[in-house]
Amino acid sequence: MAHHATLLDYHFEQLEQRINSGYYAVGARLPGESELASELGISRPLVRELLARLRERGYVETFNGRGSFIRSATSESMLQAMLREIELKVGREYSVDDLYAVRSTIEVETARIAAIVADSDDLNAIQLHMDEMRAAEGDPEKYTLADIRFHLAVATATKNQLFPALLTPIIEVIVRGMYDSVSIFSDGMRGGIEGHEKLVAALLEKNSTAAADAMREHMNYSRSTFPESVFEEKSPRE
């Protein structure tokens, strides 16, 4: 069973790389089961499992009597590929400073762009999560949930689906550290709310420079309260 799973994973990654590299163009028909089985040197039942996984991940669409065709990349399929790359090549060998270098690079830019392109629906969503944070002050679990929703709403307001997709792979560790931070540091929630309020004000004014500065200041504050112990804990999947 373990060998079967390993073989399935290996060949799935090979096909995934071909699709992502453009070897199989969007709209192209994949080789048939018999041809793929011969090309990959595996059984037809395993080919069927590979195709099922490709469909599940959004890479292909199968039509009865016609075959399987490559679909255009979706945010979900890109995100899943990104998550696997991080797990395979990075693992958990990174520091809090590494995390915040990445967060700041992404989130300062999302704040700047959001201030320019966010529409009324985006701003309403951001303000809603701001209100949820205020209402949750004193409750670390509810506060953390509202906080991460706020940051994802800002990223979504850029109108570029890659920004929230870039944040999603590191959300687990952000949430864990954020929860520990506001649980341990008594003024953490109040400081976080103040930082978010500055950002909201800049977004409402459509001041991109002020929004970027507010997010940078908030990232520095968040880093100062983020517990180093988060990276000493084991992943729930381990």
C-alpha atoms as a PDB file:
ATOM      1  CA  MET A   1       0.000   0.000   0.000  1.00  0.00           C
ATOM      2  CA  ALA A   2       2.828   2.419   0.898  1.00  0.00           C
ATOM      3  CA  HIS A   3       4.605   1.641  -2.386  1.00  0.00           C
ATOM      4  CA  HIS A   4       1.373   2.232  -4.306  1.00  0.00           C
ATOM      5  CA  ALA A   5       0.859   5.610  -2.597  1.00  0.00           C
ATOM      6  CA  THR A   6       4.456   6.637  -3.306  1.00  0.00           C
ATOM      7  CA  LEU A   7       4.140   5.650  -6.969  1.00  0.00           C
ATOM      8  CA  LEU A   8       0.862   7.544  -7.292  1.00  0.00           C
ATOM      9  CA  ASP A   9       2.378  10.669  -5.704  1.00  0.00           C
ATOM     10  CA  TYR A  10       5.461  10.478  -7.922  1.00  0.00           C
ATOM     11  CA  HIS A  11       3.548  10.232 -11.185  1.00  0.00           C
ATOM     12  CA  PHE A  12       1.034  12.851 -10.094  1.00  0.00           C
ATOM     13  CA  GLU A  13       3.885  15.315  -9.498  1.00  0.00           C
ATOM     14  CA  GLN A  14       5.298  14.509 -12.946  1.00  0.00           C
ATOM     15  CA  LEU A  15       1.981  15.228 -14.646  1.00  0.00           C
ATOM     16  CA  GLU A  16       1.430  18.315 -12.492  1.00  0.00           C
ATOM     17  CA  GLN A  17       4.811  19.703 -13.554  1.00  0.00           C
ATOM     18  CA  ARG A  18       4.014  19.075 -17.210  1.00  0.00           C
ATOM     19  CA  ILE A  19       0.735  20.955 -16.881  1.00  0.00           C
ATOM     20  CA  ASN A  20       2.224  23.883 -14.944  1.00  0.00           C
ATOM     21  CA  SER A  21       5.157  24.169 -17.370  1.00  0.00           C
ATOM     22  CA  GLY A  22       2.851  24.327 -20.384  1.00  0.00           C
ATOM     23  CA  TYR A  23       3.979  20.965 -21.773  1.00  0.00           C
ATOM     24  CA  TYR A  24       0.256  20.210 -21.912  1.00  0.00           C
ATOM     25  CA  ALA A  25      -1.425  23.412 -23.093  1.00  0.00           C
ATOM     26  CA  VAL A  26      -4.745  24.642 -21.721  1.00  0.00           C
ATOM     27  CA  GLY A  27      -7.503  22.939 -23.711  1.00  0.00           C
ATOM     28  CA  ALA A  28      -5.236  20.129 -24.881  1.00  0.00           C
ATOM     29  CA  ARG A  29      -6.438  16.554 -24.617  1.00  0.00           C
ATOM     30  CA  LEU A  30      -4.395  14.271 -22.385  1.00  0.00           C
ATOM     31  CA  PRO A  31      -3.253  10.952 -23.873  1.00  0.00           C
ATOM     32  CA  GLY A  32      -5.744   8.138 -23.328  1.00  0.00           C
ATOM     33  CA  GLU A  33      -5.502   5.707 -20.435  1.00  0.00           C
ATOM     34  CA  SER A  34      -3.665   3.038 -22.455  1.00  0.00           C
ATOM     35  CA  GLU A  35      -1.208   5.541 -23.898  1.00  0.00           C
ATOM     36  CA  LEU A  36      -0.515   7.141 -20.513  1.00  0.00           C
ATOM     37  CA  ALA A  37      -0.084   3.723 -18.903  1.00  0.00           C
ATOM     38  CA  SER A  38       2.453   2.767 -21.584  1.00  0.00           C
ATOM     39  CA  GLU A  39       4.233   6.130 -21.456  1.00  0.00           C
ATOM     40  CA  LEU A  40       4.522   6.140 -17.651  1.00  0.00           C
ATOM     41  CA  GLY A  41       5.101   2.414 -17.294  1.00  0.00           C
ATOM     42  CA  ILE A  42       2.220   1.898 -14.890  1.00  0.00           C
ATOM     43  CA  SER A  43      -1.081   0.047 -14.834  1.00  0.00           C
ATOM     44  CA  ARG A  44      -4.342   1.458 -16.195  1.00  0.00           C
ATOM     45  CA  PRO A  45      -5.991   1.349 -12.720  1.00  0.00           C
ATOM     46  CA  LEU A  46      -3.192   3.623 -11.447  1.00  0.00           C
ATOM     47  CA  VAL A  47      -3.691   5.926 -14.435  1.00  0.00           C
ATOM     48  CA  ARG A  48      -7.373   6.191 -13.476  1.00  0.00           C
ATOM     49  CA  GLU A  49      -6.354   7.209  -9.950  1.00  0.00           C
ATOM     50  CA  LEU A  50      -3.999   9.834 -11.389  1.00  0.00           C
ATOM     51  CA  LEU A  51      -6.760  11.265 -13.549  1.00  0.00           C
ATOM     52  CA  ALA A  52      -9.142  11.304 -10.587  1.00  0.00           C
ATOM     53  CA  ARG A  53      -6.615  13.298  -8.560  1.00  0.00           C
ATOM     54  CA  LEU A  54      -6.015  15.710 -11.443  1.00  0.00           C
ATOM     55  CA  ARG A  55      -9.767  16.290 -11.661  1.00  0.00           C
ATOM     56  CA  GLU A  56     -10.010  16.748  -7.896  1.00  0.00           C
ATOM     57  CA  ARG A  57      -7.261  19.397  -7.979  1.00  0.00           C
ATOM     58  CA  GLY A  58      -8.886  21.223 -10.867  1.00  0.00           C
ATOM     59  CA  TYR A  59      -6.229  20.473 -13.492  1.00  0.00           C
ATOM     60  CA  VAL A  60      -8.359  18.488 -15.928  1.00  0.00           C
ATOM     61  CA  GLU A  61     -11.972  17.990 -16.939  1.00  0.00           C
ATOM     62  CA  THR A  62     -13.142  14.640 -18.289  1.00  0.00           C
ATOM     63  CA  PHE A  63     -15.927  14.203 -20.840  1.00  0.00           C
ATOM     64  CA  ASN A  64     -17.409  10.767 -21.505  1.00  0.00           C
ATOM     65  CA  GLY A  65     -16.355   9.500 -24.894  1.00  0.00           C
ATOM     66  CA  ARG A  66     -13.998  12.419 -25.502  1.00  0.00           C
ATOM     67  CA  GLY A  67     -11.276  12.106 -22.883  1.00  0.00           C
ATOM     68  CA  SER A  68      -9.619  14.412 -20.343  1.00  0.00           C
ATOM     69  CA  PHE A  69      -8.722  18.011 -21.205  1.00  0.00           C
ATOM     70  CA  ILE A  70      -6.431  20.515 -19.475  1.00  0.00           C
ATOM     71  CA  ARG A  71      -8.289  23.294 -17.686  1.00  0.00           C
ATOM     72  CA  SER A  72      -7.016  26.825 -17.121  1.00  0.00           C
ATOM     73  CA  ALA A  73      -5.354  27.258 -13.727  1.00  0.00           C
ATOM     74  CA  THR A  74      -7.655  28.224 -10.871  1.00  0.00           C
ATOM     75  CA  SER A  75      -6.694  29.951  -7.653  1.00  0.00           C
ATOM     76  CA  GLU A  76      -7.399  26.684  -5.831  1.00  0.00           C
ATOM     77  CA  SER A  77      -5.135  24.570  -8.045  1.00  0.00           C
ATOM     78  CA  MET A  78      -2.365  27.190  -7.849  1.00  0.00           C
ATOM     79  CA  LEU A  79      -2.719  27.308  -4.075  1.00  0.00           C
ATOM     80  CA  GLN A  80      -2.530  23.531  -3.732  1.00  0.00           C
ATOM     81  CA  ALA A  81       0.600  23.444  -5.895  1.00  0.00           C
ATOM     82  CA  MET A  82       2.137  26.214  -3.809  1.00  0.00           C
ATOM     83  CA  LEU A  83       1.390  24.396  -0.563  1.00  0.00           C
ATOM     84  CA  ARG A  84       3.041  21.225  -1.835  1.00  0.00           C
ATOM     85  CA  GLU A  85       6.125  23.151  -2.957  1.00  0.00           C
ATOM     86  CA  ILE A  86       6.472  24.727   0.481  1.00  0.00           C
ATOM     87  CA  GLU A  87       6.060  21.388   2.241  1.00  0.00           C
ATOM     88  CA  LEU A  88       8.595  19.658  -0.032  1.00  0.00           C
ATOM     89  CA  LYS A  89      11.281  22.341  -0.276  1.00  0.00           C
ATOM     90  CA  VAL A  90      10.912  24.518   2.817  1.00  0.00           C
ATOM     91  CA  GLY A  91       9.235  22.394   5.443  1.00  0.00           C
ATOM     92  CA  ARG A  92       9.217  24.119   8.814  1.00  0.00           C
ATOM     93  CA  GLU A  93      12.863  25.188   8.882  1.00  0.00           C
ATOM     94  CA  TYR A  94      12.336  28.923   9.014  1.00  0.00           C
ATOM     95  CA  SER A  95      12.334  31.600  11.700  1.00  0.00           C
ATOM     96  CA  VAL A  96       9.954  34.286  12.895  1.00  0.00           C
ATOM     97  CA  ASP A  97      12.105  36.860  11.085  1.00  0.00           C
ATOM     98  CA  ASP A  98      11.751  34.827   7.868  1.00  0.00           C
ATOM     99  CA  LEU A  99       7.984  34.766   8.340  1.00  0.00           C
ATOM    100  CA  TYR A 100       7.742  38.525   8.859  1.00  0.00           C
ATOM    101  CA  ALA A 101      10.072  39.313   5.982  1.00  0.00           C
ATOM    102  CA  VAL A 102       7.612  37.481   3.728  1.00  0.00           C
ATOM    103  CA  ARG A 103       4.506  38.882   5.419  1.00  0.00           C
ATOM    104  CA  SER A 104       5.775  42.448   5.189  1.00  0.00           C
ATOM    105  CA  THR A 105       6.767  42.079   1.540  1.00  0.00           C
ATOM    106  CA  ILE A 106       3.296  40.814   0.644  1.00  0.00           C
ATOM    107  CA  GLU A 107       1.104  42.798   3.010  1.00  0.00           C
ATOM    108  CA  VAL A 108       2.649  46.247   2.665  1.00  0.00           C
ATOM    109  CA  GLU A 109       2.079  45.957  -1.074  1.00  0.00           C
ATOM    110  CA  THR A 110      -1.480  44.642  -0.665  1.00  0.00           C
ATOM    111  CA  ALA A 111      -2.295  47.641   1.526  1.00  0.00           C
ATOM    112  CA  ARG A 112      -0.837  50.050  -1.028  1.00  0.00           C
ATOM    113  CA  ILE A 113      -2.765  48.516  -3.939  1.00  0.00           C
ATOM    114  CA  ALA A 114      -5.991  48.077  -1.962  1.00  0.00           C
ATOM    115  CA  ALA A 115      -6.007  51.795  -1.177  1.00  0.00           C
ATOM    116  CA  ILE A 116      -6.081  52.473  -4.909  1.00  0.00           C
ATOM    117  CA  VAL A 117      -8.464  49.823  -6.265  1.00  0.00           C
ATOM    118  CA  ALA A 118     -10.709  48.696  -3.362  1.00  0.00           C
ATOM    119  CA  ASP A 119     -14.407  49.237  -4.035  1.00  0.00           C
ATOM    120  CA  SER A 120     -17.214  49.822  -1.539  1.00  0.00           C
ATOM    121  CA  ASP A 121     -17.846  46.082  -1.066  1.00  0.00           C
ATOM    122  CA  ASP A 122     -14.171  45.514  -0.254  1.00  0.00           C
ATOM    123  CA  LEU A 123     -14.107  48.394   2.224  1.00  0.00           C
ATOM    124  CA  ASN A 124     -17.320  47.194   3.864  1.00  0.00           C
ATOM    125  CA  ALA A 125     -15.826  43.722   4.332  1.00  0.00           C
ATOM    126  CA  ILE A 126     -12.637  45.166   5.822  1.00  0.00           C
ATOM    127  CA  GLN A 127     -14.619  47.389   8.201  1.00  0.00           C
ATOM    128  CA  LEU A 128     -16.819  44.438   9.189  1.00  0.00           C
ATOM    129  CA  HIS A 129     -13.767  42.467  10.302  1.00  0.00           C
ATOM    130  CA  MET A 130     -12.457  45.563  12.066  1.00  0.00           C
ATOM    131  CA  ASP A 131     -15.724  45.719  14.027  1.00  0.00           C
ATOM    132  CA  GLU A 132     -15.436  41.990  14.791  1.00  0.00           C
ATOM    133  CA  MET A 133     -11.959  42.568  16.224  1.00  0.00           C
ATOM    134  CA  ARG A 134     -13.203  45.365  18.476  1.00  0.00           C
ATOM    135  CA  ALA A 135     -16.116  43.226  19.680  1.00  0.00           C
ATOM    136  CA  ALA A 136     -13.783  40.277  20.335  1.00  0.00           C
ATOM    137  CA  GLU A 137     -11.266  42.193  22.453  1.00  0.00           C
ATOM    138  CA  GLY A 138     -10.647  39.994  25.483  1.00  0.00           C
ATOM    139  CA  ASP A 139     -11.405  36.764  23.591  1.00  0.00           C
ATOM    140  CA  PRO A 140      -8.164  35.536  21.927  1.00  0.00           C
ATOM    141  CA  GLU A 141      -9.879  32.929  19.745  1.00  0.00           C
ATOM    142  CA  LYS A 142     -12.523  35.221  18.244  1.00  0.00           C
ATOM    143  CA  TYR A 143     -10.045  38.081  17.968  1.00  0.00           C
ATOM    144  CA  THR A 144      -7.527  35.947  16.070  1.00  0.00           C
ATOM    145  CA  LEU A 145     -10.180  34.754  13.627  1.00  0.00           C
ATOM    146  CA  ALA A 146     -11.360  38.316  12.949  1.00  0.00           C
ATOM    147  CA  ASP A 147      -7.749  39.498  12.602  1.00  0.00           C
ATOM    148  CA  ILE A 148      -6.778  36.949   9.960  1.00  0.00           C
ATOM    149  CA  ARG A 149     -10.035  37.612   8.078  1.00  0.00           C
ATOM    150  CA  PHE A 150      -9.150  41.309   8.082  1.00  0.00           C
ATOM    151  CA  HIS A 151      -5.753  40.672   6.483  1.00  0.00           C
ATOM    152  CA  LEU A 152      -7.209  38.338   3.864  1.00  0.00           C
ATOM    153  CA  ALA A 153      -9.903  40.934   3.077  1.00  0.00           C
ATOM    154  CA  VAL A 154      -7.209  43.554   2.443  1.00  0.00           C
ATOM    155  CA  ALA A 155      -5.378  41.120   0.150  1.00  0.00           C
ATOM    156  CA  THR A 156      -8.622  40.300  -1.670  1.00  0.00           C
ATOM    157  CA  ALA A 157      -9.319  44.025  -2.137  1.00  0.00           C
ATOM    158  CA  THR A 158      -6.304  44.247  -4.478  1.00  0.00           C
ATOM    159  CA  LYS A 159      -8.396  42.430  -7.121  1.00  0.00           C
ATOM    160  CA  ASN A 160      -5.389  40.156  -7.655  1.00  0.00           C
ATOM    161  CA  GLN A 161      -6.245  36.616  -6.552  1.00  0.00           C
ATOM    162  CA  LEU A 162      -2.573  35.739  -6.148  1.00  0.00           C
ATOM    163  CA  PHE A 163      -2.183  37.997  -3.102  1.00  0.00           C
ATOM    164  CA  PRO A 164      -4.590  36.056  -0.834  1.00  0.00           C
ATOM    165  CA  ALA A 165      -3.206  32.838  -2.355  1.00  0.00           C
ATOM    166  CA  LEU A 166       0.316  33.878  -1.315  1.00  0.00           C
ATOM    167  CA  LEU A 167      -0.822  34.480   2.258  1.00  0.00           C
ATOM    168  CA  THR A 168      -2.840  31.290   2.617  1.00  0.00           C
ATOM    169  CA  PRO A 169       0.089  28.814   2.902  1.00  0.00           C
ATOM    170  CA  ILE A 170       1.472  30.627   5.963  1.00  0.00           C
ATOM    171  CA  ILE A 171      -1.865  31.277   7.670  1.00  0.00           C
ATOM    172  CA  GLU A 172      -1.548  28.258   9.981  1.00  0.00           C
ATOM    173  CA  VAL A 173       1.596  29.550  11.657  1.00  0.00           C
ATOM    174  CA  ILE A 174       0.330  33.161  11.637  1.00  0.00           C
ATOM    175  CA  VAL A 175      -2.866  32.143  13.422  1.00  0.00           C
ATOM    176  CA  ARG A 176      -1.026  30.032  15.989  1.00  0.00           C
ATOM    177  CA  GLY A 177       1.446  32.808  16.771  1.00  0.00           C
ATOM    178  CA  MET A 178      -1.241  35.487  16.789  1.00  0.00           C
ATOM    179  CA  TYR A 179      -3.361  33.486  19.235  1.00  0.00           C
ATOM    180  CA  ASP A 180      -0.402  32.845  21.547  1.00  0.00           C
ATOM    181  CA  SER A 181       0.641  36.495  21.314  1.00  0.00           C
ATOM    182  CA  VAL A 182      -2.702  38.003  22.331  1.00  0.00           C
ATOM    183  CA  SER A 183      -3.154  35.319  24.995  1.00  0.00           C
ATOM    184  CA  ILE A 184       0.211  36.060  26.626  1.00  0.00           C
ATOM    185  CA  PHE A 185       0.604  39.782  25.960  1.00  0.00           C
ATOM    186  CA  SER A 186      -2.271  41.539  27.722  1.00  0.00           C
ATOM    187  CA  ASP A 187      -2.128  44.706  25.578  1.00  0.00           C
ATOM    188  CA  GLY A 188      -1.685  42.813  22.320  1.00  0.00           C
ATOM    189  CA  MET A 189      -5.279  43.094  21.176  1.00  0.00           C
ATOM    190  CA  ARG A 190      -5.499  46.804  21.915  1.00  0.00           C
ATOM    191  CA  GLY A 191      -2.240  47.467  20.049  1.00  0.00           C
ATOM    192  CA  GLY A 192      -3.407  45.360  17.118  1.00  0.00           C
ATOM    193  CA  ILE A 193      -6.735  47.175  16.922  1.00  0.00           C
ATOM    194  CA  GLU A 194      -5.000  50.563  16.925  1.00  0.00           C
ATOM    195  CA  GLY A 195      -2.761  49.463  14.057  1.00  0.00           C
ATOM    196  CA  HIS A 196      -5.694  48.187  12.045  1.00  0.00           C
ATOM    197  CA  GLU A 197      -7.642  51.406  12.656  1.00  0.00           C
ATOM    198  CA  LYS A 198      -4.803  53.450  11.117  1.00  0.00           C
ATOM    199  CA  LEU A 199      -4.827  51.182   8.097  1.00  0.00           C
ATOM    200  CA  VAL A 200      -8.615  51.407   7.672  1.00  0.00           C
ATOM    201  CA  ALA A 201      -8.461  55.205   7.834  1.00  0.00           C
ATOM    202  CA  ALA A 202      -5.830  55.267   5.085  1.00  0.00           C
ATOM    203  CA  LEU A 203      -7.845  52.850   2.925  1.00  0.00           C
ATOM    204  CA  LEU A 204     -10.984  54.981   3.280  1.00  0.00           C
ATOM    205  CA  GLU A 205      -8.985  58.053   2.266  1.00  0.00           C
ATOM    206  CA  LYS A 206      -7.539  56.078  -0.686  1.00  0.00           C
ATOM    207  CA  ASN A 207      -4.099  57.188   0.456  1.00  0.00           C
ATOM    208  CA  SER A 208      -1.800  54.454  -0.822  1.00  0.00           C
ATOM    209  CA  THR A 209       1.347  55.811   0.849  1.00  0.00           C
ATOM    210  CA  ALA A 210      -0.349  56.094   4.236  1.00  0.00           C
ATOM    211  CA  ALA A 211      -1.850  52.613   3.841  1.00  0.00           C
ATOM    212  CA  ALA A 212       1.542  51.074   3.094  1.00  0.00           C
ATOM    213  CA  ASP A 213       3.113  52.928   6.027  1.00  0.00           C
ATOM    214  CA  ALA A 214       0.307  51.833   8.363  1.00  0.00           C
ATOM    215  CA  MET A 215       0.694  48.192   7.345  1.00  0.00           C
ATOM    216  CA  ARG A 216       4.477  48.364   7.722  1.00  0.00           C
ATOM    217  CA  GLU A 217       4.086  49.836  11.210  1.00  0.00           C
ATOM    218  CA  HIS A 218       1.556  47.138  12.096  1.00  0.00           C
ATOM    219  CA  MET A 219       3.884  44.388  10.835  1.00  0.00           C
ATOM    220  CA  ASN A 220       6.690  45.755  13.036  1.00  0.00           C
ATOM    221  CA  TYR A 221       4.371  45.789  16.045  1.00  0.00           C
ATOM    222  CA  SER A 222       3.074  42.290  15.309  1.00  0.00           C
ATOM    223  CA  ARG A 223       6.629  40.982  14.962  1.00  0.00           C
ATOM    224  CA  SER A 224       7.583  42.460  18.342  1.00  0.00           C
ATOM    225  CA  THR A 225       4.842  40.480  20.090  1.00  0.00           C
ATOM    226  CA  PHE A 226       5.044  37.257  18.046  1.00  0.00           C
ATOM    227  CA  PRO A 227       6.294  34.348  20.241  1.00  0.00           C
ATOM    228  CA  GLU A 228       9.448  32.573  19.062  1.00  0.00           C
ATOM    229  CA  SER A 229       8.113  29.348  20.600  1.00  0.00           C
ATOM    230  CA  VAL A 230       5.674  28.892  17.707  1.00  0.00           C
ATOM    231  CA  PHE A 231       8.456  27.412  15.582  1.00  0.00           C
ATOM    232  CA  GLU A 232       9.454  24.967  18.272  1.00  0.00           C
ATOM    233  CA  GLU A 233       6.028  23.288  18.191  1.00  0.00           C
ATOM    234  CA  LYS A 234       5.224  20.389  15.926  1.00  0.00           C
ATOM    235  CA  SER A 235       2.813  20.642  13.070  1.00  0.00           C
ATOM    236  CA  PRO A 236      -0.568  19.012  13.686  1.00  0.00           C
ATOM    237  CA  ARG A 237       0.207  16.731  10.723  1.00  0.00           C
ATOM    238  CA  GLU A 238       3.407  15.398  12.335  1.00  0.00           C
END
